[in-house]
Amino acid sequence: MGYPVGVSEALHGLSCKGSEVPSLLEPGMRVRHPGQPDWGIGQIQSVIGDRVTVNFEHAGKVLINASVVTLEPVAEPWP
């Protein structure tokens, strides 16, 4: 299985406060990866422990280790 360029860095990139972050993340939320702005906005598909699957606009589906990378929530636009 091939990964987009930078996935290894994404999985081992930024530090955060362990399992506190995944508890704030929910499927359907829109997020950005602070270390990969070129990936665009992503939508969380699933959260299992520290593993967060996100479907990004320009990188596709990526598995993120939330104990290593702090995803930034994106405010939803008003309807």
PDB file of N, CA and C in Angstrom:
ATOM      1  N   MET A   1       0.847  -1.184   0.000  1.00  0.00           N
ATOM      2  CA  MET A   1       0.000   0.000   0.000  1.00  0.00           C
ATOM      3  C   MET A   1       0.882   1.233   0.000  1.00  0.00           C
ATOM      4  N   GLY A   2       0.672   2.150  -0.933  1.00  0.00           N
ATOM      5  CA  GLY A   2       1.463   3.372  -0.990  1.00  0.00           C
ATOM      6  C   GLY A   2       0.830   4.488  -0.195  1.00  0.00           C
ATOM      7  N   TYR A   3       1.660   5.352   0.352  1.00  0.00           N
ATOM      8  CA  TYR A   3       1.189   6.502   1.117  1.00  0.00           C
ATOM      9  C   TYR A   3       1.589   7.767   0.402  1.00  0.00           C
ATOM     10  N   PRO A   4       0.816   8.853   0.553  1.00  0.00           N
ATOM     11  CA  PRO A   4       1.214  10.124  -0.038  1.00  0.00           C
ATOM     12  C   PRO A   4       2.546  10.586   0.547  1.00  0.00           C
ATOM     13  N   VAL A   5       3.255  11.376  -0.213  1.00  0.00           N
ATOM     14  CA  VAL A   5       4.522  11.920   0.261  1.00  0.00           C
ATOM     15  C   VAL A   5       4.286  12.633   1.577  1.00  0.00           C
ATOM     16  N   GLY A   6       5.123  12.356   2.582  1.00  0.00           N
ATOM     17  CA  GLY A   6       5.016  13.037   3.861  1.00  0.00           C
ATOM     18  C   GLY A   6       4.250  12.282   4.934  1.00  0.00           C
ATOM     19  N   VAL A   7       3.662  11.130   4.605  1.00  0.00           N
ATOM     20  CA  VAL A   7       2.884  10.419   5.618  1.00  0.00           C
ATOM     21  C   VAL A   7       3.772   9.942   6.754  1.00  0.00           C
ATOM     22  N   SER A   8       4.957   9.444   6.444  1.00  0.00           N
ATOM     23  CA  SER A   8       5.857   9.020   7.518  1.00  0.00           C
ATOM     24  C   SER A   8       6.137  10.176   8.458  1.00  0.00           C
ATOM     25  N   GLU A   9       6.381  11.358   7.889  1.00  0.00           N
ATOM     26  CA  GLU A   9       6.622  12.540   8.713  1.00  0.00           C
ATOM     27  C   GLU A   9       5.372  12.892   9.511  1.00  0.00           C
ATOM     28  N   ALA A  10       4.212  12.715   8.924  1.00  0.00           N
ATOM     29  CA  ALA A  10       2.963  13.039   9.615  1.00  0.00           C
ATOM     30  C   ALA A  10       2.766  12.153  10.827  1.00  0.00           C
ATOM     31  N   LEU A  11       3.113  10.879  10.678  1.00  0.00           N
ATOM     32  CA  LEU A  11       2.910   9.945  11.771  1.00  0.00           C
ATOM     33  C   LEU A  11       3.927  10.130  12.883  1.00  0.00           C
ATOM     34  N   HIS A  12       5.035  10.796  12.598  1.00  0.00           N
ATOM     35  CA  HIS A  12       6.089  10.965  13.595  1.00  0.00           C
ATOM     36  C   HIS A  12       6.442  12.426  13.780  1.00  0.00           C
ATOM     37  N   GLY A  13       5.521  13.338  13.468  1.00  0.00           N
ATOM     38  CA  GLY A  13       5.829  14.759  13.448  1.00  0.00           C
ATOM     39  C   GLY A  13       5.746  15.478  14.767  1.00  0.00           C
ATOM     40  N   LEU A  14       4.642  16.089  15.033  1.00  0.00           N
ATOM     41  CA  LEU A  14       4.497  17.011  16.147  1.00  0.00           C
ATOM     42  C   LEU A  14       4.046  16.288  17.412  1.00  0.00           C
ATOM     43  N   SER A  15       4.481  16.805  18.564  1.00  0.00           N
ATOM     44  CA  SER A  15       4.061  16.172  19.817  1.00  0.00           C
ATOM     45  C   SER A  15       2.794  16.821  20.348  1.00  0.00           C
ATOM     46  N   CYS A  16       2.066  16.068  21.160  1.00  0.00           N
ATOM     47  CA  CYS A  16       0.880  16.608  21.813  1.00  0.00           C
ATOM     48  C   CYS A  16       0.711  15.883  23.140  1.00  0.00           C
ATOM     49  N   LYS A  17      -0.443  16.046  23.770  1.00  0.00           N
ATOM     50  CA  LYS A  17      -0.639  15.502  25.118  1.00  0.00           C
ATOM     51  C   LYS A  17      -1.314  14.143  25.095  1.00  0.00           C
ATOM     52  N   GLY A  18      -0.753  13.214  24.379  1.00  0.00           N
ATOM     53  CA  GLY A  18      -1.223  11.833  24.405  1.00  0.00           C
ATOM     54  C   GLY A  18      -2.686  11.663  24.092  1.00  0.00           C
ATOM     55  N   SER A  19      -3.389  10.879  24.915  1.00  0.00           N
ATOM     56  CA  SER A  19      -4.761  10.492  24.604  1.00  0.00           C
ATOM     57  C   SER A  19      -5.785  11.585  24.881  1.00  0.00           C
ATOM     58  N   GLU A  20      -5.371  12.776  25.340  1.00  0.00           N
ATOM     59  CA  GLU A  20      -6.329  13.864  25.527  1.00  0.00           C
ATOM     60  C   GLU A  20      -6.878  14.339  24.194  1.00  0.00           C
ATOM     61  N   VAL A  21      -6.055  14.381  23.174  1.00  0.00           N
ATOM     62  CA  VAL A  21      -6.476  14.912  21.880  1.00  0.00           C
ATOM     63  C   VAL A  21      -7.503  14.022  21.191  1.00  0.00           C
ATOM     64  N   PRO A  22      -7.284  12.696  21.080  1.00  0.00           N
ATOM     65  CA  PRO A  22      -8.278  11.895  20.380  1.00  0.00           C
ATOM     66  C   PRO A  22      -9.675  11.987  20.987  1.00  0.00           C
ATOM     67  N   SER A  23      -9.792  12.220  22.302  1.00  0.00           N
ATOM     68  CA  SER A  23     -11.112  12.314  22.912  1.00  0.00           C
ATOM     69  C   SER A  23     -11.882  13.533  22.405  1.00  0.00           C
ATOM     70  N   LEU A  24     -11.182  14.529  21.868  1.00  0.00           N
ATOM     71  CA  LEU A  24     -11.834  15.722  21.328  1.00  0.00           C
ATOM     72  C   LEU A  24     -12.210  15.556  19.863  1.00  0.00           C
ATOM     73  N   LEU A  25     -11.673  14.550  19.205  1.00  0.00           N
ATOM     74  CA  LEU A  25     -11.896  14.341  17.782  1.00  0.00           C
ATOM     75  C   LEU A  25     -13.042  13.368  17.562  1.00  0.00           C
ATOM     76  N   GLU A  26     -13.893  13.694  16.573  1.00  0.00           N
ATOM     77  CA  GLU A  26     -15.039  12.846  16.273  1.00  0.00           C
ATOM     78  C   GLU A  26     -15.185  12.698  14.771  1.00  0.00           C
ATOM     79  N   PRO A  27     -15.692  11.557  14.312  1.00  0.00           N
ATOM     80  CA  PRO A  27     -15.957  11.405  12.880  1.00  0.00           C
ATOM     81  C   PRO A  27     -16.858  12.532  12.374  1.00  0.00           C
ATOM     82  N   GLY A  28     -16.538  13.020  11.185  1.00  0.00           N
ATOM     83  CA  GLY A  28     -17.299  14.108  10.582  1.00  0.00           C
ATOM     84  C   GLY A  28     -16.653  15.473  10.775  1.00  0.00           C
ATOM     85  N   MET A  29     -15.804  15.609  11.812  1.00  0.00           N
ATOM     86  CA  MET A  29     -15.127  16.887  12.046  1.00  0.00           C
ATOM     87  C   MET A  29     -14.192  17.192  10.882  1.00  0.00           C
ATOM     88  N   ARG A  30     -14.034  18.483  10.604  1.00  0.00           N
ATOM     89  CA  ARG A  30     -13.096  18.928   9.577  1.00  0.00           C
ATOM     90  C   ARG A  30     -11.847  19.446  10.284  1.00  0.00           C
ATOM     91  N   VAL A  31     -10.683  19.052   9.775  1.00  0.00           N
ATOM     92  CA  VAL A  31      -9.416  19.370  10.425  1.00  0.00           C
ATOM     93  C   VAL A  31      -8.344  19.711   9.393  1.00  0.00           C
ATOM     94  N   ARG A  32      -7.267  20.286   9.888  1.00  0.00           N
ATOM     95  CA  ARG A  32      -6.055  20.512   9.099  1.00  0.00           C
ATOM     96  C   ARG A  32      -4.905  19.823   9.818  1.00  0.00           C
ATOM     97  N   HIS A  33      -3.903  19.403   9.051  1.00  0.00           N
ATOM     98  CA  HIS A  33      -2.659  18.881   9.622  1.00  0.00           C
ATOM     99  C   HIS A  33      -1.682  20.050   9.628  1.00  0.00           C
ATOM    100  N   PRO A  34      -1.246  20.523  10.804  1.00  0.00           N
ATOM    101  CA  PRO A  34      -0.395  21.717  10.866  1.00  0.00           C
ATOM    102  C   PRO A  34       0.954  21.560  10.165  1.00  0.00           C
ATOM    103  N   GLY A  35       1.441  20.350  10.032  1.00  0.00           N
ATOM    104  CA  GLY A  35       2.721  20.127   9.372  1.00  0.00           C
ATOM    105  C   GLY A  35       2.602  19.862   7.883  1.00  0.00           C
ATOM    106  N   GLN A  36       1.374  19.748   7.383  1.00  0.00           N
ATOM    107  CA  GLN A  36       1.130  19.441   5.971  1.00  0.00           C
ATOM    108  C   GLN A  36       0.021  20.325   5.409  1.00  0.00           C
ATOM    109  N   PRO A  37       0.208  21.640   5.365  1.00  0.00           N
ATOM    110  CA  PRO A  37      -0.863  22.519   4.890  1.00  0.00           C
ATOM    111  C   PRO A  37      -1.284  22.249   3.447  1.00  0.00           C
ATOM    112  N   ASP A  38      -0.371  21.699   2.637  1.00  0.00           N
ATOM    113  CA  ASP A  38      -0.691  21.404   1.243  1.00  0.00           C
ATOM    114  C   ASP A  38      -1.696  20.253   1.098  1.00  0.00           C
ATOM    115  N   TRP A  39      -1.949  19.505   2.170  1.00  0.00           N
ATOM    116  CA  TRP A  39      -2.949  18.443   2.126  1.00  0.00           C
ATOM    117  C   TRP A  39      -4.359  19.003   2.094  1.00  0.00           C
ATOM    118  N   GLY A  40      -4.540  20.265   2.480  1.00  0.00           N
ATOM    119  CA  GLY A  40      -5.861  20.878   2.516  1.00  0.00           C
ATOM    120  C   GLY A  40      -6.647  20.459   3.745  1.00  0.00           C
ATOM    121  N   ILE A  41      -7.935  20.702   3.668  1.00  0.00           N
ATOM    122  CA  ILE A  41      -8.831  20.361   4.775  1.00  0.00           C
ATOM    123  C   ILE A  41      -9.198  18.896   4.671  1.00  0.00           C
ATOM    124  N   GLY A  42      -9.271  18.234   5.832  1.00  0.00           N
ATOM    125  CA  GLY A  42      -9.651  16.834   5.855  1.00  0.00           C
ATOM    126  C   GLY A  42     -10.870  16.620   6.725  1.00  0.00           C
ATOM    127  N   GLN A  43     -11.571  15.530   6.465  1.00  0.00           N
ATOM    128  CA  GLN A  43     -12.718  15.154   7.288  1.00  0.00           C
ATOM    129  C   GLN A  43     -12.373  13.850   7.997  1.00  0.00           C
ATOM    130  N   ILE A  44     -12.568  13.845   9.309  1.00  0.00           N
ATOM    131  CA  ILE A  44     -12.276  12.650  10.098  1.00  0.00           C
ATOM    132  C   ILE A  44     -13.266  11.554   9.735  1.00  0.00           C
ATOM    133  N   GLN A  45     -12.716  10.380   9.412  1.00  0.00           N
ATOM    134  CA  GLN A  45     -13.533   9.222   9.056  1.00  0.00           C
ATOM    135  C   GLN A  45     -13.769   8.325  10.264  1.00  0.00           C
ATOM    136  N   SER A  46     -12.715   8.131  11.077  1.00  0.00           N
ATOM    137  CA  SER A  46     -12.851   7.283  12.261  1.00  0.00           C
ATOM    138  C   SER A  46     -11.789   7.649  13.288  1.00  0.00           C
ATOM    139  N   VAL A  47     -12.109   7.346  14.556  1.00  0.00           N
ATOM    140  CA  VAL A  47     -11.175   7.553  15.665  1.00  0.00           C
ATOM    141  C   VAL A  47     -11.204   6.281  16.502  1.00  0.00           C
ATOM    142  N   ILE A  48     -10.046   5.603  16.548  1.00  0.00           N
ATOM    143  CA  ILE A  48      -9.921   4.384  17.346  1.00  0.00           C
ATOM    144  C   ILE A  48      -8.663   4.536  18.178  1.00  0.00           C
ATOM    145  N   GLY A  49      -8.854   4.827  19.473  1.00  0.00           N
ATOM    146  CA  GLY A  49      -7.703   5.109  20.332  1.00  0.00           C
ATOM    147  C   GLY A  49      -6.986   6.346  19.825  1.00  0.00           C
ATOM    148  N   ASP A  50      -5.684   6.230  19.594  1.00  0.00           N
ATOM    149  CA  ASP A  50      -4.891   7.341  19.078  1.00  0.00           C
ATOM    150  C   ASP A  50      -4.851   7.371  17.550  1.00  0.00           C
ATOM    151  N   ARG A  51      -5.496   6.409  16.912  1.00  0.00           N
ATOM    152  CA  ARG A  51      -5.481   6.328  15.449  1.00  0.00           C
ATOM    153  C   ARG A  51      -6.676   7.066  14.871  1.00  0.00           C
ATOM    154  N   VAL A  52      -6.373   8.075  14.054  1.00  0.00           N
ATOM    155  CA  VAL A  52      -7.420   8.884  13.448  1.00  0.00           C
ATOM    156  C   VAL A  52      -7.269   8.783  11.934  1.00  0.00           C
ATOM    157  N   THR A  53      -8.303   8.313  11.263  1.00  0.00           N
ATOM    158  CA  THR A  53      -8.291   8.244   9.810  1.00  0.00           C
ATOM    159  C   THR A  53      -8.960   9.505   9.283  1.00  0.00           C
ATOM    160  N   VAL A  54      -8.224  10.234   8.430  1.00  0.00           N
ATOM    161  CA  VAL A  54      -8.711  11.501   7.893  1.00  0.00           C
ATOM    162  C   VAL A  54      -8.643  11.439   6.374  1.00  0.00           C
ATOM    163  N   ASN A  55      -9.702  11.895   5.712  1.00  0.00           N
ATOM    164  CA  ASN A  55      -9.730  11.985   4.256  1.00  0.00           C
ATOM    165  C   ASN A  55      -9.439  13.443   3.885  1.00  0.00           C
ATOM    166  N   PHE A  56      -8.203  13.707   3.412  1.00  0.00           N
ATOM    167  CA  PHE A  56      -7.768  15.060   3.060  1.00  0.00           C
ATOM    168  C   PHE A  56      -8.065  15.355   1.587  1.00  0.00           C
ATOM    169  N   GLU A  57      -8.336  16.641   1.294  1.00  0.00           N
ATOM    170  CA  GLU A  57      -8.649  17.092  -0.064  1.00  0.00           C
ATOM    171  C   GLU A  57      -7.574  16.688  -1.074  1.00  0.00           C
ATOM    172  N   HIS A  58      -6.306  16.880  -0.731  1.00  0.00           N
ATOM    173  CA  HIS A  58      -5.228  16.694  -1.700  1.00  0.00           C
ATOM    174  C   HIS A  58      -4.291  15.539  -1.369  1.00  0.00           C
ATOM    175  N   ALA A  59      -4.562  14.787  -0.334  1.00  0.00           N
ATOM    176  CA  ALA A  59      -3.703  13.661   0.034  1.00  0.00           C
ATOM    177  C   ALA A  59      -4.475  12.359   0.157  1.00  0.00           C
ATOM    178  N   GLY A  60      -5.798  12.447   0.109  1.00  0.00           N
ATOM    179  CA  GLY A  60      -6.607  11.243   0.259  1.00  0.00           C
ATOM    180  C   GLY A  60      -6.680  10.789   1.707  1.00  0.00           C
ATOM    181  N   LYS A  61      -6.938   9.514   1.891  1.00  0.00           N
ATOM    182  CA  LYS A  61      -7.131   8.953   3.223  1.00  0.00           C
ATOM    183  C   LYS A  61      -5.780   8.706   3.880  1.00  0.00           C
ATOM    184  N   VAL A  62      -5.605   9.271   5.085  1.00  0.00           N
ATOM    185  CA  VAL A  62      -4.339   9.177   5.813  1.00  0.00           C
ATOM    186  C   VAL A  62      -4.631   8.758   7.253  1.00  0.00           C
ATOM    187  N   LEU A  63      -3.835   7.825   7.756  1.00  0.00           N
ATOM    188  CA  LEU A  63      -3.922   7.410   9.154  1.00  0.00           C
ATOM    189  C   LEU A  63      -2.966   8.264   9.970  1.00  0.00           C
ATOM    190  N   ILE A  64      -3.501   8.977  10.958  1.00  0.00           N
ATOM    191  CA  ILE A  64      -2.721   9.893  11.793  1.00  0.00           C
ATOM    192  C   ILE A  64      -2.634   9.326  13.203  1.00  0.00           C
ATOM    193  N   ASN A  65      -1.450   9.367  13.781  1.00  0.00           N
ATOM    194  CA  ASN A  65      -1.256   9.002  15.182  1.00  0.00           C
ATOM    195  C   ASN A  65      -1.466  10.274  15.996  1.00  0.00           C
ATOM    196  N   ALA A  66      -2.626  10.405  16.634  1.00  0.00           N
ATOM    197  CA  ALA A  66      -2.984  11.629  17.352  1.00  0.00           C
ATOM    198  C   ALA A  66      -2.188  11.835  18.629  1.00  0.00           C
ATOM    199  N   SER A  67      -1.431  10.832  19.049  1.00  0.00           N
ATOM    200  CA  SER A  67      -0.555  11.047  20.200  1.00  0.00           C
ATOM    201  C   SER A  67       0.733  11.726  19.765  1.00  0.00           C
ATOM    202  N   VAL A  68       0.936  11.853  18.450  1.00  0.00           N
ATOM    203  CA  VAL A  68       2.127  12.484  17.895  1.00  0.00           C
ATOM    204  C   VAL A  68       1.787  13.782  17.169  1.00  0.00           C
ATOM    205  N   VAL A  69       0.665  13.805  16.469  1.00  0.00           N
ATOM    206  CA  VAL A  69       0.267  14.959  15.656  1.00  0.00           C
ATOM    207  C   VAL A  69      -0.998  15.578  16.229  1.00  0.00           C
ATOM    208  N   THR A  70      -0.993  16.891  16.426  1.00  0.00           N
ATOM    209  CA  THR A  70      -2.176  17.607  16.890  1.00  0.00           C
ATOM    210  C   THR A  70      -2.910  18.173  15.681  1.00  0.00           C
ATOM    211  N   LEU A  71      -4.043  17.567  15.343  1.00  0.00           N
ATOM    212  CA  LEU A  71      -4.844  18.070  14.235  1.00  0.00           C
ATOM    213  C   LEU A  71      -5.568  19.327  14.669  1.00  0.00           C
ATOM    214  N   GLU A  72      -5.673  20.291  13.759  1.00  0.00           N
ATOM    215  CA  GLU A  72      -6.330  21.568  14.069  1.00  0.00           C
ATOM    216  C   GLU A  72      -7.759  21.552  13.536  1.00  0.00           C
ATOM    217  N   PRO A  73      -8.742  21.696  14.407  1.00  0.00           N
ATOM    218  CA  PRO A  73     -10.133  21.765  13.946  1.00  0.00           C
ATOM    219  C   PRO A  73     -10.347  22.963  13.034  1.00  0.00           C
ATOM    220  N   VAL A  74     -11.216  22.788  12.043  1.00  0.00           N
ATOM    221  CA  VAL A  74     -11.579  23.852  11.107  1.00  0.00           C
ATOM    222  C   VAL A  74     -13.020  24.228  11.396  1.00  0.00           C
ATOM    223  N   ALA A  75     -13.269  25.515  11.602  1.00  0.00           N
ATOM    224  CA  ALA A  75     -14.632  25.984  11.886  1.00  0.00           C
ATOM    225  C   ALA A  75     -15.530  25.716  10.685  1.00  0.00           C
ATOM    226  N   GLU A  76     -16.690  25.217  10.964  1.00  0.00           N
ATOM    227  CA  GLU A  76     -17.671  24.971   9.905  1.00  0.00           C
ATOM    228  C   GLU A  76     -18.262  26.290   9.455  1.00  0.00           C
ATOM    229  N   PRO A  77     -18.440  26.489   8.138  1.00  0.00           N
ATOM    230  CA  PRO A  77     -19.066  27.735   7.665  1.00  0.00           C
ATOM    231  C   PRO A  77     -20.538  27.770   8.045  1.00  0.00           C
ATOM    232  N   TRP A  78     -21.042  28.963   8.252  1.00  0.00           N
ATOM    233  CA  TRP A  78     -22.464  29.111   8.553  1.00  0.00           C
ATOM    234  C   TRP A  78     -23.272  28.814   7.291  1.00  0.00           C
ATOM    235  N   PRO A  79     -24.410  28.131   7.449  1.00  0.00           N
ATOM    236  CA  PRO A  79     -25.233  27.801   6.259  1.00  0.00           C
ATOM    237  C   PRO A  79     -25.871  29.015   5.647  1.00  0.00           C
TER     238      PRO A  79
END
